[in-house]
Every structure is written in structure tokens, then in C-alpha cells.
Amino acid sequence: MRTRLFVISLMLFSFTFILPIAVAHADNFEYLGAIPSSHGLYYGYMAPREGFIAVGDGSEPGRGIEIIDANDPANMQSVGFREVNHMTYSLDWEGDYLYVPGEFEGFFIYDVSDVEHIVQASVMDLWSNPVGGVSVRNNLAYIGTDWNGGSGGLYCINVANPYSPTLVWGSDTLDCDEIFLGESLLYSFSWCNDIRIVDISDPTHPMQVTRIDCPLIDAMDIDESRNLMYVTCFNYGLLIYDISNPLSPQLLSTTQMPNNAQCIDVCHSKVYHQIVFVSGYVDGLWALDTSDPADPEATASYFPEGTWCCCVSSRGNLVYLTAAYSFIALRYDHEIGVDDPVAGLPDDISLGQNYPNPFNAGTRISYVLPHSQNARLEIYDAIGRAVVTLFDGYQAEGRKTIYWDCTGYSSGCYFYRLTSDDLSLSRQMVLIK
């Protein structure tokens, strides 16, 4: 997410309903501690990892990158700092390296194997394009280069050797700002323009799946385990989409939020998996329960005294917040939905059409269990021979997505079957190589 100055002439949404924000409880954030920035940072962006958090600054060049020891949230300490000549709009921390887009200055990789000494490993020029979001997986860094609704693109960089990264591919037709990686899909948004879903099941040949017009986007996050996409839009609030069919995402709800919703983070803990945290700049920090994604409920809010909220990130029920010149640790303690069944599920199991279909390198199969039960997902060839069992065991209720890696399998027609305690369902798919 970035903060920008802009002029709005006229932009309209085609939403048919907006739910007002309703706060059930406002006292479920426990303040644990804070640390002031000795370097004037904490205006922006975070990358947590194993008790440490890297913090960058996106307000102006020359501020730097700082590493916070947050193993004891009540007694956090600054352990590493490096002054940099670029603004930091996004960070990703994988292994011993920080991956940092540096706006017009290029793509930076920093060695943080010693958190007390941040060492620049390399910098890669991206042809003077303004660099935005970054997400790294399996030695590939995906980088967006759109800024302020202007021209840009999407780049894939091989970072197997962080001291000598190489370009895999670049596209100037996929305007991307922030980047989010799913199992086989890449989700991104271009600020002031749209949302894009890109198939990266074959990382060397990306294919755009769909594009959604959605102006004034501030932030986004994904929860593929529930097939949900969360988007915050300036002056419009929180939008929740069903992405079980990536070809045709469905808008489930639009919830009115404070005008300056800046950053969003989905809590991925087992207990709080349905909680979404939204920072509202001068309007505080909010927690929303999305057990029923069609009707989210605000369960808590927090307003830091004398400052504003910028970026939010969570680990379990620990919530970290960058505010103006301070870094705050909170504990979220609210048990709504913990022992309740997942809301919004059908009465019977359902099996979705795989995506993509036809497919080449692999495909995603999604299904829904209305209650906890035994489930088995199997693949069969055209003459009914069992090919592979993707899952066989006991599963909790909810929306599930399993990826089938088709390496080593021949082209042809296949069937996938979901068998549960209740019934059995099957669908057809086509593998083309």
C-alpha cells in the first residue's frame, strides 16, 4: 500500500449495497508495548519473520530499513539499521534475504543473515520503471512496477543467487502494483485502476485470467483456504470477493469503513482465521470477523494516542502496527466464531470445476465440506483407472483447495472424484501438453 496525493474528478462503483460498519466489541486489543524509531521510520511497511520484523519507510528517500526484535512484544528492541537512498513501499523476507523494491532506484536485495548488519547483496535496474510490490517464492521474485495509475508492468526475477539476480520475464501489459501469491495464481492491483489475477502455474509463461475494474484501491489480501479476496478502497470500505472461480470472481459484500483504510492483513492462525485487520490511518485500527463474508462484523478497534495507523501485520493473535515514528505490538483477544461452524456453507458438500481447464502444468480443485468429516479426492483417467489420490483423511468443515501437479502425466481427459461420509461427486477435466 502507498499513500499518494491525487485529484478525483468522477469515479463510480456499480455496487448495489453497502453495509455500515457495526462494532460488537471495541475492547479486544490489548496493548503490549511500543518502540519509538530512533531513525524517524515506521511510516510504512513490514516483513515479519520468526520473531523479527523488518520495517521500511515510504514517505521519503534516505530514511532506511530497520529490524526489530519482537520476540518479547512487551520489550521490543531495534537490532539493525541501514540507511538507503530509496523509498521502501514493500518488503518480503525469505530465508536470509530481504527483497525490497526501491521505487525509481531499482530492485534491492539485502543480506540479513546477521540481523544486526544489513548488507546490500545486489541491486537490479528495472529500466527506470517505478517499482511497487514484491512477493517471493521458490527462488522467484514477482515485482509490480505500476505507480499512481500510470503505465507499468510485472516482472519475474530469478533470485536463486541473491548476489546475481537474473530476469526471467517481463510484461508491460500487466499493470501491477502490490503482489500476492496463491498456490498457482498471482493476485495484484493497479492503484486507481483494477485488480488482475494471473496464472503462474507455469512460472515461465504467465497468463492473465481475469481483470476487475475497481478504482481507488488502497490495499488487498488473499485467503485461498477460504477462496476469498479482501480489498479496501478509498471512501468505499472493505470489499470481499469469492474467488473459487478465478475466471469470474463474485462480490459478496461491501462494508463501509473509515475513509482512509490504508492496509489490510488476513489473520492466518487456526483460531482467528476469519479475522481481518484494517488500518485506517487517522481512523485507527479495526478487526472484522468475516465468518460470514456476506456480512462482516467489526469486533474491535484501536486508536493510538497522538498518532495515526499506517501498516498492519499479524502473527497468530499478535498484531503489529506501524504508526508515525513508533512501532506498536497488540494482542487480539476475541473468540467470536472459534467454536462455531463456518458460516455461509451449503448444507451438502460441493465440488467446483477445476481451474484452469484445460490445463498444462497443473490445476486447482476446490470443494466445500459443510461439516467435519472424512474426505477423499482422487484422479482417474479416461477408462476409469485410478491415477493419484490427492487427499484421503479427516478434514474440518470449510472451503478447500488442492493443487494437482501434472508433471509426468500424459495429455488426455481425466476425472476427479470427491468422496465423503455423505456422498460422492465427480467432474471432468482436460490435460493438454
Protein backbone atom coordinates (compact mmCIF):
# COMPACT_ATOMS: atom_id res chain seq x y z
CA MET A 1 0.00 0.00 0.00
CA ARG A 2 1.13 3.58 -0.64
CA THR A 3 -0.10 6.98 0.38
CA ARG A 4 -0.48 9.34 -2.59
CA LEU A 5 -1.81 12.78 -3.44
CA PHE A 6 -4.43 12.85 -6.16
CA VAL A 7 -7.41 14.72 -7.60
CA ILE A 8 -10.68 12.86 -8.15
CA SER A 9 -12.91 14.09 -10.97
CA LEU A 10 -15.64 11.43 -11.03
CA MET A 11 -15.44 7.72 -10.30
CA LEU A 12 -18.43 5.49 -9.81
CA PHE A 13 -18.82 1.98 -8.39
CA SER A 14 -21.55 -0.36 -9.56
CA PHE A 15 -22.12 -1.79 -6.08
CA THR A 16 -25.73 -2.45 -5.21
CA PHE A 17 -25.35 -2.45 -1.44
CA ILE A 18 -23.03 -1.13 1.26
CA LEU A 19 -23.16 -2.48 4.77
CA PRO A 20 -22.48 0.03 7.56
CA ILE A 21 -19.71 -0.90 9.97
CA ALA A 22 -21.09 -2.20 13.26
CA VAL A 23 -18.79 -2.66 16.24
CA ALA A 24 -19.79 -5.55 18.52
CA HIS A 25 -16.82 -5.09 20.89
CA ALA A 26 -14.23 -2.34 20.96
CA ASP A 27 -12.01 -3.52 23.79
CA ASN A 28 -10.40 -6.65 22.37
CA PHE A 29 -6.99 -5.19 21.54
CA GLU A 30 -4.55 -5.50 24.43
CA TYR A 31 -1.66 -3.06 24.27
CA LEU A 32 1.63 -4.94 24.78
CA GLY A 33 4.34 -2.41 24.06
CA ALA A 34 5.81 0.08 21.62
CA ILE A 35 9.21 1.21 20.47
CA PRO A 36 9.96 4.70 19.15
CA SER A 37 12.01 4.97 15.98
CA SER A 38 15.45 6.40 16.54
CA HIS A 39 15.73 6.90 12.78
CA GLY A 40 12.40 8.58 12.01
CA LEU A 41 10.91 5.47 10.41
CA TYR A 42 7.72 3.49 10.85
CA TYR A 43 5.66 5.43 8.35
CA GLY A 44 5.13 2.26 6.36
CA TYR A 45 5.90 -1.27 5.55
CA MET A 46 6.69 -4.54 7.34
CA ALA A 47 8.06 -8.01 6.68
CA PRO A 48 7.80 -10.30 9.77
CA ARG A 49 9.91 -13.43 10.20
CA GLU A 50 10.45 -15.71 13.23
CA GLY A 51 10.29 -13.11 15.98
CA PHE A 52 11.92 -10.33 13.96
CA ILE A 53 10.25 -7.67 11.82
CA ALA A 54 11.86 -5.61 9.06
CA VAL A 55 10.40 -2.13 8.76
CA GLY A 56 10.81 0.23 5.82
CA ASP A 57 9.77 3.81 5.18
CA GLY A 58 7.79 5.01 2.18
CA SER A 59 7.47 8.69 2.99
CA GLU A 60 10.73 9.98 1.52
CA PRO A 61 14.15 8.71 0.33
CA GLY A 62 17.07 8.30 2.70
CA ARG A 63 15.15 7.05 5.73
CA GLY A 64 16.31 3.44 5.79
CA ILE A 65 15.39 -0.11 6.79
CA GLU A 66 15.27 -1.22 10.40
CA ILE A 67 14.98 -4.67 12.01
CA ILE A 68 13.02 -5.03 15.24
CA ASP A 69 13.46 -7.92 17.68
CA ALA A 70 9.83 -8.66 18.61
CA ASN A 71 10.34 -12.00 20.37
CA ASP A 72 9.15 -10.27 23.54
CA PRO A 73 6.42 -7.89 22.32
CA ALA A 74 6.44 -6.02 25.64
CA ASN A 75 10.17 -5.30 25.34
CA MET A 76 10.92 -4.86 21.65
CA GLN A 77 14.35 -3.66 20.55
CA SER A 78 15.88 -2.19 17.42
CA VAL A 79 18.76 -4.51 16.47
CA GLY A 80 19.71 -3.49 12.93
CA PHE A 81 19.55 -0.43 10.69
CA ARG A 82 20.72 0.54 7.23
CA GLU A 83 20.28 3.92 5.60
CA VAL A 84 19.16 3.60 1.97
CA ASN A 85 18.77 6.07 -0.89
CA HIS A 86 15.31 4.88 -1.90
CA MET A 87 11.78 4.86 -0.54
CA THR A 88 10.53 1.45 0.61
CA TYR A 89 6.98 0.67 -0.48
CA SER A 90 7.10 -3.07 0.07
CA LEU A 91 9.32 -5.77 1.59
CA ASP A 92 9.45 -9.55 1.55
CA TRP A 93 11.67 -11.58 3.87
CA GLU A 94 12.62 -15.07 2.68
CA GLY A 95 15.42 -17.05 4.32
CA ASP A 96 18.42 -14.80 4.94
CA TYR A 97 17.41 -12.09 2.48
CA LEU A 98 15.18 -9.04 2.32
CA TYR A 99 13.69 -8.23 -1.07
CA VAL A 100 12.93 -4.53 -1.42
CA PRO A 101 11.53 -2.53 -4.35
CA GLY A 102 13.16 0.90 -4.29
CA GLU A 103 10.74 2.95 -6.35
CA PHE A 104 12.73 4.54 -9.23
CA GLU A 105 16.06 3.27 -7.85
CA GLY A 106 15.56 -0.42 -8.78
CA PHE A 107 15.07 -3.76 -7.05
CA PHE A 108 17.29 -4.27 -3.99
CA ILE A 109 18.26 -7.49 -2.20
CA TYR A 110 19.76 -7.25 1.30
CA ASP A 111 21.59 -10.00 3.18
CA VAL A 112 20.18 -10.15 6.73
CA SER A 113 21.74 -13.43 7.85
CA ASP A 114 23.13 -11.26 10.66
CA VAL A 115 20.16 -9.12 11.64
CA GLU A 116 22.45 -6.59 13.28
CA HIS A 117 24.23 -5.91 9.98
CA ILE A 118 22.08 -5.33 6.88
CA VAL A 119 24.31 -5.82 3.82
CA GLN A 120 23.29 -4.95 0.26
CA ALA A 121 23.68 -8.10 -1.83
CA SER A 122 22.61 -6.64 -5.19
CA VAL A 123 20.52 -4.05 -6.98
CA MET A 124 18.79 -4.61 -10.31
CA ASP A 125 17.75 -1.79 -12.61
CA LEU A 126 14.22 -2.26 -13.92
CA TRP A 127 14.59 0.17 -16.79
CA SER A 128 13.65 3.27 -14.81
CA ASN A 129 10.19 1.89 -14.04
CA PRO A 130 8.79 2.84 -10.62
CA VAL A 131 8.95 -0.35 -8.56
CA GLY A 132 5.97 -1.22 -6.34
CA GLY A 133 5.11 -4.51 -4.65
CA VAL A 134 7.16 -7.69 -4.34
CA SER A 135 6.44 -11.29 -3.37
CA VAL A 136 9.00 -14.13 -3.38
CA ARG A 137 8.57 -17.90 -3.60
CA ASN A 138 10.72 -20.81 -4.83
CA ASN A 139 13.61 -18.50 -5.76
CA LEU A 140 11.37 -16.33 -7.95
CA ALA A 141 10.57 -12.71 -7.12
CA TYR A 142 7.46 -11.21 -8.70
CA ILE A 143 7.64 -7.42 -8.87
CA GLY A 144 4.98 -4.88 -9.85
CA THR A 145 6.03 -1.63 -11.50
CA ASP A 146 2.81 0.36 -11.75
CA TRP A 147 2.53 3.62 -9.83
CA ASN A 148 -0.32 6.08 -9.39
CA GLY A 149 -2.37 4.53 -12.17
CA GLY A 150 0.31 5.10 -14.78
CA SER A 151 1.98 2.66 -17.13
CA GLY A 152 3.89 -0.23 -15.66
CA GLY A 153 4.20 -3.97 -15.73
CA LEU A 154 5.00 -7.21 -13.97
CA TYR A 155 8.47 -8.75 -13.74
CA CYS A 156 9.71 -12.18 -12.66
CA ILE A 157 13.28 -12.29 -11.32
CA ASN A 158 15.30 -15.43 -10.54
CA VAL A 159 16.85 -14.84 -7.11
CA ALA A 160 18.41 -18.28 -6.58
CA ASN A 161 21.67 -16.34 -6.30
CA PRO A 162 20.69 -13.17 -4.44
CA TYR A 163 24.05 -11.61 -5.29
CA SER A 164 23.35 -12.01 -9.02
CA PRO A 165 19.61 -11.98 -9.81
CA THR A 166 18.50 -12.51 -13.41
CA LEU A 167 15.40 -11.56 -15.36
CA VAL A 168 13.08 -14.48 -16.22
CA TRP A 169 10.45 -12.41 -18.00
CA GLY A 170 8.82 -9.01 -18.00
CA SER A 171 5.40 -7.88 -19.21
CA ASP A 172 4.39 -4.30 -19.94
CA THR A 173 0.74 -5.33 -20.48
CA LEU A 174 0.08 -6.48 -16.89
CA ASP A 175 -0.05 -3.27 -14.84
CA CYS A 176 0.60 -4.40 -11.26
CA ASP A 177 1.29 -2.56 -8.04
CA GLU A 178 1.01 -4.79 -4.95
CA ILE A 179 1.63 -8.53 -5.43
CA PHE A 180 0.07 -11.52 -3.61
CA LEU A 181 0.95 -15.14 -4.40
CA GLY A 182 -1.53 -18.00 -4.20
CA GLU A 183 -0.91 -21.68 -4.88
CA SER A 184 -0.81 -21.25 -8.65
CA LEU A 185 -2.25 -17.77 -9.13
CA LEU A 186 -0.85 -14.29 -8.67
CA TYR A 187 -3.21 -11.57 -7.45
CA SER A 188 -2.38 -7.90 -7.89
CA PHE A 189 -3.92 -4.49 -8.15
CA SER A 190 -3.05 -1.36 -10.03
CA TRP A 191 -3.81 1.63 -7.85
CA CYS A 192 -6.68 3.72 -9.22
CA ASN A 193 -7.43 1.14 -11.91
CA ASP A 194 -8.11 -2.56 -11.46
CA ILE A 195 -7.48 -5.99 -9.96
CA ARG A 196 -5.77 -8.69 -12.01
CA ILE A 197 -5.50 -12.44 -11.49
CA VAL A 198 -2.61 -14.10 -13.34
CA ASP A 199 -1.99 -17.83 -13.78
CA ILE A 200 1.62 -18.63 -12.82
CA SER A 201 1.27 -22.44 -12.62
CA ASP A 202 3.98 -22.35 -15.30
CA PRO A 203 6.21 -19.61 -13.87
CA THR A 204 7.90 -19.02 -17.23
CA HIS A 205 4.65 -18.34 -19.11
CA PRO A 206 2.21 -16.16 -17.12
CA MET A 207 -1.35 -15.84 -18.41
CA GLN A 208 -3.89 -13.26 -17.29
CA VAL A 209 -7.03 -14.99 -16.04
CA THR A 210 -9.30 -12.03 -15.39
CA ARG A 211 -9.38 -8.29 -14.76
CA ILE A 212 -11.81 -6.45 -12.46
CA ASP A 213 -12.42 -2.72 -12.78
CA CYS A 214 -12.03 -1.33 -9.27
CA PRO A 215 -10.77 2.27 -8.88
CA LEU A 216 -9.30 3.83 -5.75
CA ILE A 217 -7.84 0.60 -4.35
CA ASP A 218 -5.65 1.11 -1.29
CA ALA A 219 -4.82 -2.44 -0.19
CA MET A 220 -5.57 -6.11 -0.76
CA ASP A 221 -5.02 -9.54 0.80
CA ILE A 222 -5.92 -13.10 -0.14
CA ASP A 223 -7.13 -16.16 1.79
CA GLU A 224 -7.13 -19.03 -0.72
CA SER A 225 -8.04 -21.53 2.00
CA ARG A 226 -11.47 -19.85 2.07
CA ASN A 227 -11.42 -18.72 -1.58
CA LEU A 228 -11.75 -15.09 -0.51
CA MET A 229 -10.13 -11.86 -1.70
CA TYR A 230 -10.24 -8.75 0.50
CA VAL A 231 -9.89 -5.26 -0.98
CA THR A 232 -10.02 -1.83 0.65
CA CYS A 233 -10.99 1.15 -1.48
CA PHE A 234 -10.72 4.83 -0.62
CA ASN A 235 -14.13 6.15 0.50
CA TYR A 236 -15.85 2.81 -0.19
CA GLY A 237 -14.58 0.47 2.51
CA LEU A 238 -13.92 -3.28 2.55
CA LEU A 239 -14.89 -5.40 -0.45
CA ILE A 240 -14.95 -9.21 -0.16
CA TYR A 241 -14.88 -11.37 -3.30
CA ASP A 242 -15.47 -15.09 -3.77
CA ILE A 243 -12.55 -16.30 -5.94
CA SER A 244 -13.44 -20.00 -6.05
CA ASN A 245 -13.83 -19.46 -9.80
CA PRO A 246 -10.93 -17.17 -10.75
CA LEU A 247 -12.46 -16.58 -14.18
CA SER A 248 -15.43 -14.86 -12.58
CA PRO A 249 -14.87 -13.53 -9.03
CA GLN A 250 -18.12 -12.65 -7.27
CA LEU A 251 -18.54 -9.64 -4.99
CA LEU A 252 -20.02 -10.91 -1.71
CA SER A 253 -20.18 -7.72 0.34
CA THR A 254 -19.12 -4.09 0.60
CA THR A 255 -18.70 -2.87 4.16
CA GLN A 256 -18.44 0.81 4.95
CA MET A 257 -15.14 1.59 6.65
CA PRO A 258 -13.32 4.74 7.79
CA ASN A 259 -12.44 6.88 4.76
CA ASN A 260 -8.71 6.28 4.96
CA ALA A 261 -8.49 2.48 5.02
CA GLN A 262 -4.78 2.08 4.25
CA CYS A 263 -3.67 -1.51 4.80
CA ILE A 264 -5.26 -4.93 5.28
CA ASP A 265 -3.98 -8.18 6.77
CA VAL A 266 -5.73 -11.55 6.99
CA CYS A 267 -5.03 -13.46 10.20
CA HIS A 268 -3.90 -16.96 9.19
CA SER A 269 -3.91 -18.58 12.62
CA LYS A 270 -6.09 -21.68 13.18
CA VAL A 271 -8.23 -19.92 15.78
CA TYR A 272 -8.52 -16.46 14.20
CA HIS A 273 -8.51 -17.47 10.52
CA GLN A 274 -11.67 -15.47 9.81
CA ILE A 275 -10.36 -12.18 11.27
CA VAL A 276 -9.23 -9.35 9.01
CA PHE A 277 -7.29 -6.35 10.32
CA VAL A 278 -7.65 -2.98 8.58
CA SER A 279 -5.62 0.11 9.43
CA GLY A 280 -7.49 3.34 8.87
CA TYR A 281 -4.72 5.96 9.04
CA VAL A 282 -6.25 8.70 11.24
CA ASP A 283 -9.30 6.45 11.81
CA GLY A 284 -7.50 3.81 13.85
CA LEU A 285 -7.09 0.03 13.56
CA TRP A 286 -10.09 -2.26 13.09
CA ALA A 287 -10.67 -6.01 13.38
CA LEU A 288 -13.51 -7.56 11.41
CA ASP A 289 -14.94 -11.06 11.76
CA THR A 290 -15.63 -12.45 8.28
CA SER A 291 -17.04 -15.82 9.38
CA ASP A 292 -19.94 -14.84 7.15
CA PRO A 293 -18.18 -13.00 4.29
CA ALA A 294 -21.53 -11.64 3.12
CA ASP A 295 -22.00 -9.85 6.45
CA PRO A 296 -18.69 -8.92 8.17
CA GLU A 297 -18.79 -7.65 11.74
CA ALA A 298 -16.31 -5.27 13.35
CA THR A 299 -15.20 -6.77 16.65
CA ALA A 300 -12.52 -4.37 17.87
CA SER A 301 -10.87 -1.02 17.24
CA TYR A 302 -7.73 0.68 18.49
CA PHE A 303 -6.73 4.35 18.29
CA PRO A 304 -3.08 5.10 19.15
CA GLU A 305 -2.81 8.29 21.13
CA GLY A 306 -1.41 11.29 19.28
CA THR A 307 -0.55 9.46 16.06
CA TRP A 308 -2.02 7.55 13.13
CA CYS A 309 -2.01 3.97 11.85
CA CYS A 310 -0.07 3.01 8.75
CA CYS A 311 0.69 -0.67 8.12
CA VAL A 312 -0.64 -3.73 9.98
CA SER A 313 0.64 -7.31 10.12
CA SER A 314 -0.33 -10.24 12.34
CA ARG A 315 1.18 -13.49 13.57
CA GLY A 316 -1.39 -15.61 15.37
CA ASN A 317 -3.19 -13.23 17.69
CA LEU A 318 -0.23 -10.82 17.87
CA VAL A 319 -0.82 -7.69 15.82
CA TYR A 320 1.96 -5.29 14.80
CA LEU A 321 1.22 -1.74 13.76
CA THR A 322 3.43 0.93 12.26
CA ALA A 323 2.38 4.38 13.36
CA ALA A 324 4.02 7.74 12.81
CA TYR A 325 7.52 7.27 14.28
CA SER A 326 6.59 4.35 16.52
CA PHE A 327 6.08 0.60 16.24
CA ILE A 328 3.28 -0.93 18.33
CA ALA A 329 2.54 -4.51 19.42
CA LEU A 330 -1.01 -5.55 20.36
CA ARG A 331 -2.75 -8.77 21.29
CA TYR A 332 -6.14 -9.51 19.75
CA ASP A 333 -8.33 -11.44 22.17
CA HIS A 334 -11.78 -12.17 20.87
CA GLU A 335 -13.23 -15.66 20.48
CA ILE A 336 -16.11 -14.97 18.14
CA GLY A 337 -16.55 -17.86 15.74
CA VAL A 338 -13.88 -20.07 17.33
CA ASP A 339 -16.23 -22.87 18.29
CA ASP A 340 -18.92 -22.05 15.76
CA PRO A 341 -19.33 -23.82 12.43
CA VAL A 342 -18.10 -21.93 9.41
CA ALA A 343 -20.88 -19.60 8.36
CA GLY A 344 -22.20 -19.37 4.83
CA LEU A 345 -21.51 -23.01 3.88
CA PRO A 346 -24.02 -25.11 1.89
CA ASP A 347 -25.97 -27.95 3.52
CA ASP A 348 -24.29 -30.56 1.29
CA ILE A 349 -20.75 -30.99 0.02
CA SER A 350 -20.00 -29.25 -3.26
CA LEU A 351 -17.27 -29.83 -5.83
CA GLY A 352 -16.20 -26.96 -8.07
CA GLN A 353 -14.86 -27.09 -11.62
CA ASN A 354 -11.08 -27.23 -11.62
CA TYR A 355 -9.12 -24.19 -12.74
CA PRO A 356 -7.55 -23.79 -15.20
CA ASN A 357 -9.32 -26.19 -17.52
CA PRO A 358 -7.93 -27.24 -19.94
CA PHE A 359 -4.58 -27.08 -18.17
CA ASN A 360 -0.92 -27.81 -18.73
CA ALA A 361 1.45 -27.75 -15.75
CA GLY A 362 -1.16 -28.14 -13.02
CA THR A 363 -4.65 -27.25 -11.87
CA ARG A 364 -6.57 -26.30 -8.70
CA ILE A 365 -9.55 -28.31 -7.42
CA SER A 366 -11.87 -26.65 -4.89
CA TYR A 367 -14.62 -28.16 -2.78
CA VAL A 368 -16.70 -27.35 0.30
CA LEU A 369 -17.43 -29.51 3.34
CA PRO A 370 -20.46 -28.31 5.37
CA HIS A 371 -19.17 -30.12 8.47
CA SER A 372 -16.06 -32.02 9.60
CA GLN A 373 -15.87 -35.48 8.02
CA ASN A 374 -13.75 -38.00 6.13
CA ALA A 375 -12.94 -36.94 2.58
CA ARG A 376 -11.03 -38.45 -0.31
CA LEU A 377 -10.09 -36.66 -3.56
CA GLU A 378 -8.95 -38.96 -6.38
CA ILE A 379 -7.96 -38.58 -10.04
CA TYR A 380 -8.96 -41.17 -12.68
CA ASP A 381 -8.01 -41.48 -16.34
CA ALA A 382 -10.48 -41.74 -19.25
CA ILE A 383 -11.00 -45.50 -18.83
CA GLY A 384 -11.54 -45.32 -15.08
CA ARG A 385 -8.13 -46.31 -13.76
CA ALA A 386 -7.05 -44.60 -10.53
CA VAL A 387 -4.18 -42.21 -11.26
CA VAL A 388 -3.45 -40.48 -7.95
CA THR A 389 -5.08 -39.75 -4.61
CA LEU A 390 -4.66 -36.07 -3.73
CA PHE A 391 -6.17 -36.31 -0.24
CA ASP A 392 -7.53 -39.09 1.97
CA GLY A 393 -8.31 -38.33 5.58
CA TYR A 394 -10.37 -36.37 8.07
CA GLN A 395 -10.98 -32.68 7.32
CA ALA A 396 -12.60 -29.83 9.20
CA GLU A 397 -15.55 -28.06 7.63
CA GLY A 398 -14.88 -25.26 5.19
CA ARG A 399 -13.73 -24.40 1.70
CA LYS A 400 -10.73 -26.43 0.49
CA THR A 401 -8.41 -26.05 -2.49
CA ILE A 402 -5.90 -28.71 -3.60
CA TYR A 403 -3.35 -28.30 -6.39
CA TRP A 404 -2.55 -31.18 -8.77
CA ASP A 405 0.96 -31.04 -10.23
CA CYS A 406 0.63 -32.79 -13.59
CA THR A 407 4.32 -33.30 -14.25
CA GLY A 408 4.80 -36.76 -15.74
CA TYR A 409 1.18 -37.27 -16.77
CA SER A 410 0.04 -37.64 -20.39
CA SER A 411 -2.41 -35.42 -22.24
CA GLY A 412 -6.00 -36.55 -22.21
CA CYS A 413 -9.32 -36.50 -20.41
CA TYR A 414 -9.32 -37.09 -16.65
CA PHE A 415 -11.96 -37.24 -13.95
CA TYR A 416 -11.68 -36.15 -10.33
CA ARG A 417 -13.90 -37.60 -7.63
CA LEU A 418 -14.64 -36.30 -4.14
CA THR A 419 -15.95 -38.96 -1.75
CA SER A 420 -17.12 -38.08 1.76
CA ASP A 421 -19.18 -39.60 4.54
CA ASP A 422 -22.26 -38.05 2.91
CA LEU A 423 -21.94 -38.69 -0.83
CA SER A 424 -19.67 -38.81 -3.88
CA LEU A 425 -19.25 -36.18 -6.64
CA SER A 426 -17.12 -36.15 -9.80
CA ARG A 427 -16.18 -33.81 -12.62
CA GLN A 428 -14.25 -33.99 -15.88
CA MET A 429 -11.07 -32.07 -16.85
CA VAL A 430 -8.64 -31.98 -19.76
CA LEU A 431 -4.83 -32.05 -19.62
CA ILE A 432 -3.10 -30.66 -22.74
CA LYS A 433 0.66 -30.78 -23.21
